[in-house]
């Protein structure tokens, strides 16, 4: 994903936030890119393996939650706002076991819109938005599908 200078700085700040949270730092997420609409996060399988030798479901959903939270955080920051971002609810489907490093992409759900979300946050100081995240296998198959609603509360 191509990145502007402002995106690179925002990604560095997000990376610092990830590293400041001990449970997140232990998952060793690596931000692979941000194009203004999608945030891509990777993590090594060897830190997330279960008793079957594949990725632990709890790790997958945690990383998908984190990637989506990061995307909302970046959008709020890009709008020049300061807000706490919270996951309100989520659903996950595990479609295939993952025997490789975890590659996650988070993006806005088809029903959402960043402009309306930001306008509501500015006006009401609180807004909700729906996101989706996907964990794709190297062969292009969808391994895990995640959807969630996030709440932003202006500080």
Protein backbone atom coordinates (compact mmCIF):
# COMPACT_ATOMS: atom_id res chain seq x y z
CA UNK A 1 0.00 0.00 0.00
CA UNK A 2 1.45 3.39 -0.97
CA UNK A 3 1.78 5.79 1.95
CA UNK A 4 1.93 9.56 2.27
CA UNK A 5 4.18 11.29 4.81
CA UNK A 6 1.18 12.03 7.04
CA UNK A 7 0.14 8.36 6.88
CA UNK A 8 3.65 7.27 7.84
CA UNK A 9 3.63 9.54 10.90
CA UNK A 10 0.14 8.34 11.89
CA UNK A 11 1.28 4.73 11.51
CA UNK A 12 4.29 5.39 13.72
CA UNK A 13 2.02 6.83 16.42
CA UNK A 14 -0.30 3.83 16.14
CA UNK A 15 2.65 1.44 16.35
CA UNK A 16 3.75 3.23 19.54
CA UNK A 17 0.26 2.80 20.98
CA UNK A 18 0.33 -0.91 20.16
CA UNK A 19 3.70 -1.28 21.88
CA UNK A 20 2.52 0.64 24.97
CA UNK A 21 -0.11 -2.01 25.73
CA UNK A 22 1.63 -5.11 27.19
CA UNK A 23 -0.91 -7.69 25.90
CA UNK A 24 -0.73 -6.17 22.42
CA UNK A 25 3.07 -5.95 22.42
CA UNK A 26 3.20 -9.66 23.33
CA UNK A 27 1.20 -10.46 20.18
CA UNK A 28 3.95 -8.76 18.09
CA UNK A 29 1.65 -7.10 15.55
CA UNK A 30 3.34 -5.42 12.60
CA UNK A 31 1.49 -2.70 10.72
CA UNK A 32 2.02 -3.53 7.06
CA UNK A 33 0.17 -0.63 5.54
CA UNK A 34 -2.56 1.95 5.47
CA UNK A 35 -4.05 3.47 2.34
CA UNK A 36 -6.50 5.86 3.98
CA UNK A 37 -9.28 3.27 3.94
CA UNK A 38 -7.73 -0.07 4.97
CA UNK A 39 -5.28 -0.97 7.71
CA UNK A 40 -3.21 -4.14 7.30
CA UNK A 41 -1.67 -5.86 10.31
CA UNK A 42 0.44 -9.03 10.37
CA UNK A 43 1.61 -11.23 13.24
CA UNK A 44 3.87 -14.29 13.37
CA UNK A 45 2.15 -17.65 13.71
CA UNK A 46 4.71 -18.95 16.20
CA UNK A 47 3.42 -16.52 18.87
CA UNK A 48 -0.22 -17.49 18.26
CA UNK A 49 -0.15 -21.25 17.80
CA UNK A 50 -2.60 -23.55 19.59
CA UNK A 51 -2.40 -27.22 20.57
CA UNK A 52 -3.23 -28.26 16.97
CA UNK A 53 -0.35 -26.31 15.45
CA UNK A 54 -2.57 -23.68 13.84
CA UNK A 55 -3.46 -20.14 14.89
CA UNK A 56 -5.35 -19.77 18.17
CA UNK A 57 -8.85 -18.37 17.63
CA UNK A 58 -8.48 -15.95 20.53
CA UNK A 59 -5.36 -14.48 18.95
CA UNK A 60 -7.07 -14.08 15.59
CA UNK A 61 -10.08 -12.25 17.02
CA UNK A 62 -7.82 -10.12 19.24
CA UNK A 63 -5.70 -9.03 16.27
CA UNK A 64 -8.80 -8.34 14.17
CA UNK A 65 -10.26 -6.25 17.00
CA UNK A 66 -6.97 -4.40 17.29
CA UNK A 67 -6.63 -3.74 13.54
CA UNK A 68 -10.19 -2.38 13.39
CA UNK A 69 -9.63 -0.26 16.51
CA UNK A 70 -6.45 1.07 14.92
CA UNK A 71 -8.29 2.04 11.76
CA UNK A 72 -10.95 3.98 13.68
CA UNK A 73 -8.23 5.62 15.77
CA UNK A 74 -6.40 6.75 12.63
CA UNK A 75 -9.57 8.13 11.01
CA UNK A 76 -10.48 10.10 14.14
CA UNK A 77 -6.94 11.45 14.41
CA UNK A 78 -6.89 12.39 10.69
CA UNK A 79 -10.04 14.44 11.31
CA UNK A 80 -8.18 16.38 14.01
CA UNK A 81 -10.29 14.98 16.85
CA UNK A 82 -9.38 13.43 20.18
CA UNK A 83 -11.62 10.56 21.24
CA UNK A 84 -11.56 7.30 23.11
CA UNK A 85 -12.30 4.39 20.78
CA UNK A 86 -14.11 1.34 22.18
CA UNK A 87 -15.34 -1.89 20.63
CA UNK A 88 -19.10 -2.17 21.32
CA UNK A 89 -19.77 -5.64 19.91
CA UNK A 90 -18.37 -8.07 17.39
CA UNK A 91 -18.99 -11.30 15.53
CA UNK A 92 -16.44 -13.69 14.10
CA UNK A 93 -16.55 -16.68 11.75
CA UNK A 94 -13.67 -19.14 11.56
CA UNK A 95 -13.74 -20.68 8.08
CA UNK A 96 -10.34 -22.38 7.73
CA UNK A 97 -7.52 -23.21 10.12
CA UNK A 98 -4.49 -20.95 9.73
CA UNK A 99 -1.06 -22.63 9.53
CA UNK A 100 0.82 -19.50 8.43
CA UNK A 101 1.53 -16.01 9.69
CA UNK A 102 -1.61 -13.99 10.35
CA UNK A 103 -2.42 -11.36 7.70
CA UNK A 104 -5.37 -9.12 8.61
CA UNK A 105 -7.01 -6.27 6.75
CA UNK A 106 -9.55 -3.99 8.47
CA UNK A 107 -11.85 -1.64 6.62
CA UNK A 108 -15.15 0.18 6.82
CA UNK A 109 -18.23 -2.05 6.57
CA UNK A 110 -20.23 -1.53 3.35
CA UNK A 111 -23.05 0.08 5.33
CA UNK A 112 -20.85 2.75 6.93
CA UNK A 113 -19.35 6.07 5.99
CA UNK A 114 -16.42 7.92 7.52
CA UNK A 115 -17.81 11.37 6.72
CA UNK A 116 -21.07 10.73 8.58
CA UNK A 117 -19.22 9.13 11.49
CA UNK A 118 -16.85 12.10 11.87
CA UNK A 119 -19.69 14.64 11.48
CA UNK A 120 -21.69 12.87 14.19
CA UNK A 121 -18.64 12.74 16.48
CA UNK A 122 -18.08 16.48 15.99
CA UNK A 123 -21.72 17.34 16.58
CA UNK A 124 -22.77 14.90 19.32
CA UNK A 125 -19.30 14.09 20.75
CA UNK A 126 -20.15 10.42 20.38
CA UNK A 127 -20.50 8.24 17.27
CA UNK A 128 -20.69 4.60 16.18
CA UNK A 129 -19.24 2.93 13.13
CA UNK A 130 -19.18 -0.62 11.74
CA UNK A 131 -16.01 -2.25 10.45
CA UNK A 132 -15.02 -5.57 8.96
CA UNK A 133 -11.71 -7.37 9.17
CA UNK A 134 -10.55 -10.40 7.25
CA UNK A 135 -7.74 -12.85 7.78
CA UNK A 136 -6.69 -14.09 4.36
CA UNK A 137 -4.56 -17.12 3.61
CA UNK A 138 -1.59 -16.83 1.25
CA UNK A 139 -3.57 -18.78 -1.38
CA UNK A 140 -6.30 -16.10 -1.34
CA UNK A 141 -8.90 -17.98 0.69
CA UNK A 142 -10.74 -16.21 3.50
CA UNK A 143 -9.81 -17.89 6.79
CA UNK A 144 -11.58 -15.67 9.32
CA UNK A 145 -14.26 -13.03 8.92
CA UNK A 146 -14.90 -10.41 11.62
CA UNK A 147 -17.45 -7.60 11.94
CA UNK A 148 -17.72 -5.13 14.78
CA UNK A 149 -19.22 -1.84 15.88
CA UNK A 150 -16.94 0.72 17.49
CA UNK A 151 -17.88 3.75 19.56
CA UNK A 152 -15.90 6.96 19.66
CA UNK A 153 -16.39 9.32 22.59
CA UNK A 154 -14.83 12.77 22.30
CA UNK A 155 -12.50 13.80 25.10
